[in-house]
Protein backbone atom coordinates (compact mmCIF):
# COMPACT_ATOMS: atom_id res chain seq x y z
CA MET A 1 -14.42 3.58 14.87
CA PHE A 2 -16.43 5.49 12.20
CA TRP A 3 -15.11 9.03 11.66
CA GLY A 4 -16.55 11.23 8.21
CA ILE A 5 -16.49 14.88 7.38
CA ASN A 6 -18.75 16.73 4.29
CA LEU A 7 -15.44 19.59 2.56
CA LYS A 8 -16.81 21.59 -0.09
CA GLN A 9 -15.07 22.95 -3.21
CA GLY A 10 -12.65 25.11 -1.89
CA GLU A 11 -12.87 24.35 1.63
CA SER A 12 -10.74 22.37 4.05
CA TYR A 13 -10.22 20.69 7.37
CA ASP A 14 -7.48 20.54 10.35
CA PHE A 15 -7.79 17.95 12.85
CA LYS A 16 -6.80 19.83 15.30
CA GLY A 17 -7.17 17.22 18.56
CA PHE A 18 -5.71 13.95 16.85
CA ASN A 19 -2.60 15.09 16.78
CA GLY A 20 0.05 11.76 17.46
CA ARG A 21 -3.46 9.76 15.84
CA MET A 22 -3.61 7.24 12.78
CA LEU A 23 -6.62 7.90 10.94
CA SER A 24 -7.00 6.05 7.18
CA LEU A 25 -9.25 7.78 4.82
CA ASP A 26 -10.71 4.78 2.81
CA ASN A 27 -13.29 6.09 0.45
CA VAL A 28 -14.53 9.71 -0.74
CA CYS A 29 -17.03 10.11 -3.32
CA LEU A 30 -19.06 13.80 -4.98
CA SER A 31 -22.18 14.84 -3.06
CA LYS A 32 -25.24 14.38 -5.55
CA ASP A 33 -25.45 18.26 -6.02
CA SER A 34 -21.82 18.52 -7.07
CA GLU A 35 -21.33 20.71 -9.79
CA ASN A 36 -18.88 19.20 -13.22
CA GLY A 37 -15.41 19.85 -13.01
CA LYS A 38 -12.39 18.22 -11.04
CA TYR A 39 -12.24 17.61 -7.68
CA TYR A 40 -9.32 17.26 -6.05
CA VAL A 41 -8.33 15.76 -2.95
CA THR A 42 -5.28 17.11 -1.12
CA LEU A 43 -3.27 16.60 2.27
CA THR A 44 -1.24 19.24 3.22
CA ASN A 45 1.49 18.79 5.97
CA LYS A 46 4.09 20.85 7.11
CA GLY A 47 3.48 22.70 3.60
CA LYS A 48 3.79 20.09 1.52
CA GLU A 49 0.40 19.26 -0.76
CA PHE A 50 0.44 15.85 -1.77
CA SER A 51 -3.35 15.46 -4.13
CA LEU A 52 -5.19 11.52 -2.46
CA THR A 53 -6.46 11.77 -5.60
CA VAL A 54 -9.59 12.67 -8.16
CA LEU A 55 -13.35 13.48 -8.87
CA GLN A 56 -14.72 13.79 -12.08
CA LYS A 57 -18.81 14.76 -12.43
CA ASP A 58 -20.32 11.75 -13.85
CA LYS A 59 -16.57 10.18 -14.45
CA SER A 60 -15.73 8.79 -11.05
CA GLU A 61 -17.17 10.18 -8.04
CA ALA A 62 -16.44 7.92 -5.73
CA LYS A 63 -13.44 5.93 -4.89
CA SER A 64 -11.87 3.84 -2.54
CA ILE A 65 -8.21 4.86 -2.09
CA LEU A 66 -7.46 3.47 0.97
CA THR A 67 -4.16 6.63 2.45
CA PRO A 68 -3.47 6.24 6.03
CA PHE A 69 -1.37 7.92 8.04
CA VAL A 70 -0.87 9.51 11.30
CA ILE A 71 -1.76 12.93 12.19
CA GLU A 72 0.65 16.02 13.00
CA ASP A 73 0.43 19.15 13.95
CA GLY A 74 -1.04 21.37 10.76
CA MET A 75 -2.22 18.44 8.73
CA LYS A 76 -5.57 19.86 6.87
CA LEU A 77 -7.49 18.27 4.41
CA ALA A 78 -9.09 20.02 1.39
CA VAL A 79 -11.27 19.47 -1.41
CA LYS A 80 -9.73 21.49 -4.31
CA GLY A 81 -10.62 21.98 -7.88
CA SER A 82 -12.59 23.55 -10.96
CA GLY A 83 -15.60 22.64 -10.41
């Protein structure tokens, strides 16, 4: 099954309703209108934040990260950075 979301810098996604399901985060990319700067894709679980990758306009705009995990209550995916 395909699943995808669009997050802007400073936004996060809460996985409500997906608890216990397996998710593989395979690819991340910047949108065409992204500003210059670094964007950090993070996963927060049980109060701890993990940086999954960093994207940068005109340098590394897309990455394959192949990160499987089981979704738990309170888990969030976010984009942070200076862009």
